[in-house]
Protein backbone atom coordinates (compact mmCIF):
# COMPACT_ATOMS: atom_id res chain seq x y z
CA UNK A 1 44.08 -7.89 -94.19
CA UNK A 2 44.76 -9.57 -97.44
CA UNK A 3 48.73 -8.88 -98.83
CA UNK A 4 49.15 -8.19 -102.41
CA UNK A 5 51.96 -9.99 -102.74
CA UNK A 6 50.81 -13.83 -100.75
CA UNK A 7 52.47 -16.11 -102.56
CA UNK A 8 51.56 -20.15 -102.34
CA UNK A 9 48.34 -21.57 -101.43
CA UNK A 10 45.49 -22.05 -98.23
CA UNK A 11 45.98 -25.67 -97.93
CA UNK A 12 42.01 -26.54 -96.03
CA UNK A 13 39.94 -29.84 -95.65
CA UNK A 14 36.04 -29.57 -95.37
CA UNK A 15 34.44 -33.17 -95.17
CA UNK A 16 37.50 -35.35 -95.34
CA UNK A 17 37.63 -33.68 -99.65
CA UNK A 18 41.23 -31.32 -99.91
CA UNK A 19 40.52 -27.52 -100.92
CA UNK A 20 42.91 -25.32 -102.36
CA UNK A 21 42.49 -20.97 -102.56
CA UNK A 22 46.05 -18.66 -103.56
CA UNK A 23 47.18 -17.61 -100.20
CA UNK A 24 46.78 -13.79 -101.80
CA UNK A 25 43.08 -13.83 -102.16
CA UNK A 26 42.41 -14.69 -98.73
CA UNK A 27 41.43 -12.09 -96.20
CA UNK A 28 41.31 -13.09 -92.65
CA UNK A 29 41.63 -16.73 -90.56
CA UNK A 30 39.60 -17.51 -87.71
CA UNK A 31 38.58 -19.98 -85.75
CA UNK A 32 34.64 -19.97 -85.45
CA UNK A 33 33.26 -23.04 -82.60
CA UNK A 34 35.51 -26.39 -84.22
CA UNK A 35 36.14 -24.70 -86.92
CA UNK A 36 38.03 -22.36 -89.33
CA UNK A 37 36.49 -19.92 -90.91
CA UNK A 38 38.23 -18.09 -94.81
CA UNK A 39 37.46 -14.37 -94.94
CA UNK A 40 37.38 -14.19 -98.96
CA UNK A 41 38.68 -10.88 -99.84
CA UNK A 42 37.05 -7.95 -102.20
CA UNK A 43 34.24 -9.19 -101.14
CA UNK A 44 34.02 -12.57 -102.06
CA UNK A 45 32.66 -13.94 -99.15
CA UNK A 46 33.43 -16.55 -96.12
CA UNK A 47 33.99 -19.72 -95.92
CA UNK A 48 34.85 -23.11 -93.24
CA UNK A 49 37.12 -25.83 -92.36
CA UNK A 50 37.64 -28.40 -90.82
CA UNK A 51 40.85 -28.25 -90.64
CA UNK A 52 44.01 -26.22 -92.30
CA UNK A 53 46.80 -28.39 -93.52
CA UNK A 54 48.94 -24.50 -93.74
CA UNK A 55 50.60 -22.84 -97.28
CA UNK A 56 52.15 -24.55 -99.64
CA UNK A 57 54.40 -22.09 -101.90
CA UNK A 58 53.12 -23.52 -105.43
CA UNK A 59 51.28 -26.01 -106.82
CA UNK A 60 51.00 -26.92 -110.46
CA UNK A 61 47.21 -26.63 -111.37
CA UNK A 62 45.26 -27.39 -114.19
CA UNK A 63 41.90 -26.29 -115.42
CA UNK A 64 38.35 -28.68 -115.03
CA UNK A 65 38.78 -30.74 -118.30
CA UNK A 66 34.89 -30.68 -120.22
CA UNK A 67 34.07 -34.38 -118.72
CA UNK A 68 34.81 -33.30 -115.12
CA UNK A 69 33.42 -29.45 -115.60
CA UNK A 70 30.20 -32.31 -116.48
CA UNK A 71 30.41 -33.95 -113.53
CA UNK A 72 31.83 -31.81 -110.92
CA UNK A 73 29.15 -30.26 -109.06
CA UNK A 74 30.53 -27.29 -107.31
CA UNK A 75 32.92 -24.54 -109.65
CA UNK A 76 36.35 -24.93 -109.53
CA UNK A 77 39.94 -22.60 -110.71
CA UNK A 78 41.12 -26.34 -111.14
CA UNK A 79 42.76 -29.45 -110.26
CA UNK A 80 46.52 -29.68 -108.46
CA UNK A 81 47.69 -32.52 -106.93
CA UNK A 82 49.59 -32.16 -103.01
CA UNK A 83 51.32 -35.11 -101.55
CA UNK A 84 49.58 -38.21 -102.76
CA UNK A 85 45.99 -35.82 -103.20
CA UNK A 86 43.59 -34.47 -104.96
CA UNK A 87 43.71 -30.53 -104.36
CA UNK A 88 39.42 -28.67 -105.78
CA UNK A 89 41.61 -25.70 -106.58
CA UNK A 90 38.73 -22.93 -104.91
CA UNK A 91 37.71 -20.29 -108.03
CA UNK A 92 37.33 -16.63 -104.88
CA UNK A 93 34.99 -14.86 -107.44
CA UNK A 94 32.84 -17.25 -107.18
CA UNK A 95 32.71 -19.84 -103.76
CA UNK A 96 31.89 -23.54 -103.95
CA UNK A 97 28.99 -24.27 -101.93
CA UNK A 98 30.67 -27.46 -99.91
CA UNK A 99 33.30 -24.55 -98.14
CA UNK A 100 30.19 -21.89 -97.94
CA UNK A 101 29.97 -20.67 -94.30
CA UNK A 102 26.38 -19.19 -94.72
CA UNK A 103 25.25 -22.74 -95.13
CA UNK A 104 27.20 -24.70 -92.66
CA UNK A 105 25.88 -22.23 -90.03
CA UNK A 106 22.18 -22.08 -90.82
CA UNK A 107 20.65 -25.20 -88.76
CA UNK A 108 23.79 -27.02 -86.87
CA UNK A 109 24.18 -24.69 -84.03
CA UNK A 110 28.25 -25.86 -84.06
CA UNK A 111 30.73 -23.10 -82.97
CA UNK A 112 27.36 -19.73 -83.57
CA UNK A 113 28.27 -19.07 -79.38
CA UNK A 114 30.53 -19.49 -77.52
CA UNK A 115 28.73 -19.49 -73.99
CA UNK A 116 27.95 -23.04 -74.58
């Protein structure tokens, strides 16, 4: 269940990249095999992560510059920095294919069954 007053940003790692999403957009979080599954509120869909780093209270998010948008293949709400690492901010209305739970599930077979 989402909490409308939820503050901060959930940080996650997928394929070696650091991603962030507003905590208020997250409806659920659970383990599925070796991955984590993050449910986005409002029927936004599901994301998949290799690792959940936690929630940070504040991040300064900058919009993508036009030159970055031209070369970055995924939709993004902006960029931030946490520690010394760049964070790609997820737009809950336009989920990136790199975090798609549907793409990761198709054909991989990993983590889909508990009886193996």
